[in-house]
Amino acid sequence: MCASYGLDPRFGDYASFARINDREIIERLRSWSEQNAGETLRPTGKNLRNLNPIIRDAGAGPALELAWWGYLVGGEPAKFPSINTRSERLQQKPGNLAGRAIVPATSWLEMQKPSRTWYRYDLGAPELFGMAAVTQRGIPTGGEPVTCYSIIMQPARDDQAPIHDRMPLLIPASFTQDWLAADVPPSRELMDAALDAGREMTARVRATVATT
């Protein structure tokens, strides 16, 4: 389970992150991460009402928006695990791919059990990358409508499975438009194509013991 990730404002070249022509998106992303002051991004909930940046296409092209990490049910955070969604579940029920997004990050954290050792995963800090996510709309009690997101998790690479058995699905720049396009319908084929497209980035992921 990915339950926290980082977005370092020092990220440099973003060519491997996404083929997005709107430079304003990237600059807004950098500005937000600077204001976040290096804080780890965590799920949204009853007490922690943080909204995190995602990129999605609502029909007018890719745009940056702040979104609720996890799903809302009846105005409250879902009681079932919703911050992550297994890729296998989406292959079985591709209709849940109707809403899709990319979650920008420069690292994520996982705890190895039973040692309780924390590991940081990245592509070589601070390189910006995108994690695949599915989205749906929600309305928190007493609040305004918001986009909610769940990060898609795939089986971990064999050599990293002893640390944690799952890892986020990474979307390479070459597949950004296919993944985000609002006119691309949800399907098993889309999920399979995303998994195939992310293999090269998955091979680059490194895991090191987190020092902070």
Protein backbone atom coordinates (compact mmCIF):
# COMPACT_ATOMS: atom_id res chain seq x y z
CA MET A 1 0.00 0.00 0.00
CA CYS A 2 1.26 3.45 -0.90
CA ALA A 3 0.16 5.66 2.00
CA SER A 4 2.61 8.53 1.64
CA TYR A 5 4.72 10.09 -1.09
CA GLY A 6 6.97 13.07 -1.72
CA LEU A 7 6.98 15.93 -4.21
CA ASP A 8 10.35 17.69 -4.12
CA PRO A 9 10.20 21.22 -5.64
CA ARG A 10 13.80 20.81 -6.82
CA PHE A 11 12.69 18.51 -9.62
CA GLY A 12 14.51 19.39 -12.82
CA ASP A 13 13.83 18.13 -16.32
CA TYR A 14 10.26 16.85 -16.50
CA ALA A 15 10.46 15.31 -19.97
CA SER A 16 10.09 11.79 -18.58
CA PHE A 17 7.07 12.84 -16.51
CA ALA A 18 4.55 13.89 -19.13
CA ARG A 19 4.25 15.31 -22.61
CA ILE A 20 2.25 18.31 -21.57
CA ASN A 21 2.66 21.42 -23.68
CA ASP A 22 1.18 23.76 -21.08
CA ARG A 23 4.20 24.96 -19.13
CA GLU A 24 1.81 26.65 -16.68
CA ILE A 25 0.87 23.23 -15.31
CA ILE A 26 4.48 22.45 -14.45
CA GLU A 27 5.12 25.87 -12.91
CA ARG A 28 1.95 25.64 -10.81
CA LEU A 29 3.09 22.19 -9.68
CA ARG A 30 6.50 23.52 -8.69
CA SER A 31 4.95 26.47 -6.87
CA TRP A 32 2.61 24.19 -4.92
CA SER A 33 5.44 21.86 -3.92
CA GLU A 34 7.52 24.82 -2.71
CA GLN A 35 4.62 26.03 -0.58
CA ASN A 36 4.24 22.51 0.77
CA ALA A 37 7.76 22.95 2.17
CA GLY A 38 8.82 19.37 1.60
CA GLU A 39 6.01 17.88 3.69
CA THR A 40 5.12 14.27 2.94
CA LEU A 41 1.82 13.93 1.09
CA ARG A 42 -0.65 11.79 3.01
CA PRO A 43 -4.26 10.62 2.59
CA THR A 44 -7.04 13.14 3.19
CA GLY A 45 -9.37 12.44 6.10
CA LYS A 46 -11.55 13.81 8.87
CA ASN A 47 -8.72 15.65 10.58
CA LEU A 48 -6.10 16.06 7.86
CA ARG A 49 -7.94 17.99 5.12
CA ASN A 50 -4.99 18.34 2.75
CA LEU A 51 -5.71 18.44 -0.96
CA ASN A 52 -2.93 17.16 -3.23
CA PRO A 53 -2.14 18.05 -6.87
CA ILE A 54 -3.18 15.71 -9.67
CA ILE A 55 -3.36 16.13 -13.43
CA ARG A 56 -6.51 15.05 -15.25
CA ASP A 57 -8.47 15.84 -18.39
CA ALA A 58 -12.08 16.81 -17.75
CA GLY A 59 -12.68 17.31 -21.47
CA ALA A 60 -10.72 20.48 -22.17
CA GLY A 61 -7.22 19.00 -22.06
CA PRO A 62 -4.86 18.17 -19.16
CA ALA A 63 -5.16 20.48 -16.15
CA LEU A 64 -3.73 20.63 -12.64
CA GLU A 65 -6.19 20.48 -9.76
CA LEU A 66 -6.09 19.82 -6.05
CA ALA A 67 -7.83 16.59 -5.08
CA TRP A 68 -8.86 14.47 -2.09
CA TRP A 69 -6.72 11.33 -1.64
CA GLY A 70 -9.20 8.54 -0.94
CA TYR A 71 -12.92 8.24 -1.64
CA LEU A 72 -15.89 9.87 0.06
CA VAL A 73 -19.06 7.95 0.92
CA GLY A 74 -22.01 9.89 2.26
CA GLY A 75 -19.81 12.92 2.74
CA GLU A 76 -17.30 11.08 4.94
CA PRO A 77 -14.02 9.27 4.19
CA ALA A 78 -14.75 5.73 3.01
CA LYS A 79 -14.55 3.10 5.73
CA PHE A 80 -13.08 0.62 3.24
CA PRO A 81 -9.48 1.03 1.96
CA SER A 82 -9.74 3.52 -0.90
CA ILE A 83 -6.44 5.36 -1.18
CA ASN A 84 -5.11 2.55 -3.41
CA THR A 85 -6.73 0.34 -6.06
CA ARG A 86 -5.23 -2.93 -7.32
CA SER A 87 -4.50 -3.09 -11.04
CA GLU A 88 -6.01 -6.60 -11.14
CA ARG A 89 -9.33 -5.24 -9.87
CA LEU A 90 -9.38 -2.68 -12.67
CA GLN A 91 -8.65 -5.40 -15.21
CA GLN A 92 -11.67 -7.29 -13.88
CA LYS A 93 -13.88 -4.20 -13.59
CA PRO A 94 -12.56 -1.73 -16.20
CA GLY A 95 -15.62 0.48 -15.81
CA ASN A 96 -13.85 1.97 -12.77
CA LEU A 97 -11.33 3.45 -15.20
CA ALA A 98 -13.89 6.01 -16.38
CA GLY A 99 -12.11 8.72 -14.38
CA ARG A 100 -8.30 8.74 -14.65
CA ALA A 101 -5.49 10.99 -13.46
CA ILE A 102 -1.75 11.22 -13.00
CA VAL A 103 -0.37 11.90 -9.53
CA PRO A 104 2.97 13.76 -9.68
CA ALA A 105 5.65 12.61 -7.25
CA THR A 106 9.41 12.34 -6.78
CA SER A 107 9.32 9.42 -4.30
CA TRP A 108 7.05 7.22 -2.22
CA LEU A 109 7.50 5.39 1.08
CA GLU A 110 6.79 1.82 2.15
CA MET A 111 7.37 0.05 5.46
CA GLN A 112 8.89 -3.43 5.47
CA LYS A 113 7.36 -5.82 7.97
CA PRO A 114 8.05 -7.20 10.52
CA SER A 115 11.22 -5.09 10.85
CA ARG A 116 9.22 -1.84 10.48
CA THR A 117 12.01 -0.43 8.35
CA TRP A 118 10.96 2.39 6.04
CA TYR A 119 12.15 2.44 2.43
CA ARG A 120 12.11 5.31 -0.02
CA TYR A 121 11.42 4.52 -3.67
CA ASP A 122 12.42 6.83 -6.51
CA LEU A 123 13.94 7.04 -9.99
CA GLY A 124 16.95 9.05 -8.85
CA ALA A 125 16.05 12.03 -6.72
CA PRO A 126 14.57 14.39 -7.43
CA GLU A 127 13.23 13.13 -10.76
CA LEU A 128 9.56 13.83 -11.33
CA PHE A 129 7.34 10.91 -12.30
CA GLY A 130 3.61 10.22 -12.57
CA MET A 131 1.62 7.56 -10.71
CA ALA A 132 -1.57 6.30 -12.34
CA ALA A 133 -4.80 6.96 -10.47
CA VAL A 134 -8.53 6.50 -10.86
CA THR A 135 -10.90 9.26 -9.82
CA GLN A 136 -14.48 9.93 -8.82
CA ARG A 137 -16.36 12.97 -7.55
CA GLY A 138 -17.28 13.40 -3.91
CA ILE A 139 -18.78 16.02 -1.60
CA PRO A 140 -17.38 16.20 1.95
CA THR A 141 -19.91 17.03 4.63
CA GLY A 142 -20.28 20.80 4.76
CA GLY A 143 -17.92 21.25 1.82
CA GLU A 144 -17.81 21.75 -1.91
CA PRO A 145 -17.62 19.01 -4.58
CA VAL A 146 -14.09 17.71 -5.07
CA THR A 147 -12.27 15.17 -7.20
CA CYS A 148 -11.21 12.11 -5.18
CA TYR A 149 -8.39 9.85 -6.32
CA SER A 150 -7.02 6.38 -5.64
CA ILE A 151 -3.48 5.40 -6.70
CA ILE A 152 -3.28 2.24 -8.82
CA MET A 153 -1.01 -0.43 -7.33
CA GLN A 154 0.56 -3.26 -9.32
CA PRO A 155 2.57 -6.29 -8.13
CA ALA A 156 6.06 -5.27 -7.05
CA ARG A 157 9.17 -6.18 -9.00
CA ASP A 158 10.47 -9.59 -7.90
CA ASP A 159 13.61 -8.17 -6.29
CA GLN A 160 11.59 -5.61 -4.31
CA ALA A 161 8.79 -7.91 -3.20
CA PRO A 162 10.59 -8.80 0.08
CA ILE A 163 10.22 -5.11 1.04
CA HIS A 164 6.61 -4.71 -0.10
CA ASP A 165 4.49 -6.79 -2.44
CA ARG A 166 2.90 -3.83 -4.28
CA MET A 167 4.10 -0.69 -6.02
CA PRO A 168 2.40 2.19 -7.86
CA LEU A 169 1.79 1.92 -11.59
CA LEU A 170 4.01 4.55 -13.21
CA ILE A 171 2.84 6.27 -16.38
CA PRO A 172 5.65 7.26 -18.80
CA ALA A 173 5.53 10.45 -20.87
CA SER A 174 4.82 8.41 -24.01
CA PHE A 175 1.53 7.15 -22.54
CA THR A 176 0.34 10.32 -20.81
CA GLN A 177 -2.10 11.43 -23.50
CA ASP A 178 -3.58 7.93 -23.88
CA TRP A 179 -4.12 7.66 -20.14
CA LEU A 180 -5.57 11.12 -19.56
CA ALA A 181 -7.64 11.57 -22.72
CA ALA A 182 -11.29 12.02 -21.77
CA ASP A 183 -12.42 10.54 -25.09
CA VAL A 184 -10.62 7.22 -24.49
CA PRO A 185 -13.22 4.86 -22.97
CA PRO A 186 -12.43 2.62 -19.99
CA SER A 187 -11.51 -0.92 -20.98
CA ARG A 188 -9.45 -3.96 -20.02
CA GLU A 189 -7.26 -3.14 -23.04
CA LEU A 190 -6.48 0.33 -21.65
CA MET A 191 -5.43 -1.12 -18.29
CA ASP A 192 -3.26 -3.75 -19.99
CA ALA A 193 -1.66 -1.09 -22.21
CA ALA A 194 -0.86 1.07 -19.19
CA LEU A 195 0.83 -1.84 -17.41
CA ASP A 196 2.89 -2.59 -20.51
CA ALA A 197 3.81 1.07 -21.02
CA GLY A 198 5.03 1.39 -17.43
CA ARG A 199 7.41 -1.59 -17.47
CA GLU A 200 10.48 0.42 -18.43
CA MET A 201 9.94 2.93 -15.62
CA THR A 202 9.18 0.13 -13.19
CA ALA A 203 12.57 -1.40 -14.03
CA ARG A 204 14.26 1.87 -13.07
CA VAL A 205 12.74 2.13 -9.60
CA ARG A 206 15.24 1.91 -6.77
CA ALA A 207 14.56 1.35 -3.07
CA THR A 208 16.80 2.67 -0.27
CA VAL A 209 16.41 2.77 3.49
CA ALA A 210 14.74 6.07 4.35
CA THR A 211 16.86 8.25 6.61
CA THR A 212 14.20 10.86 7.32
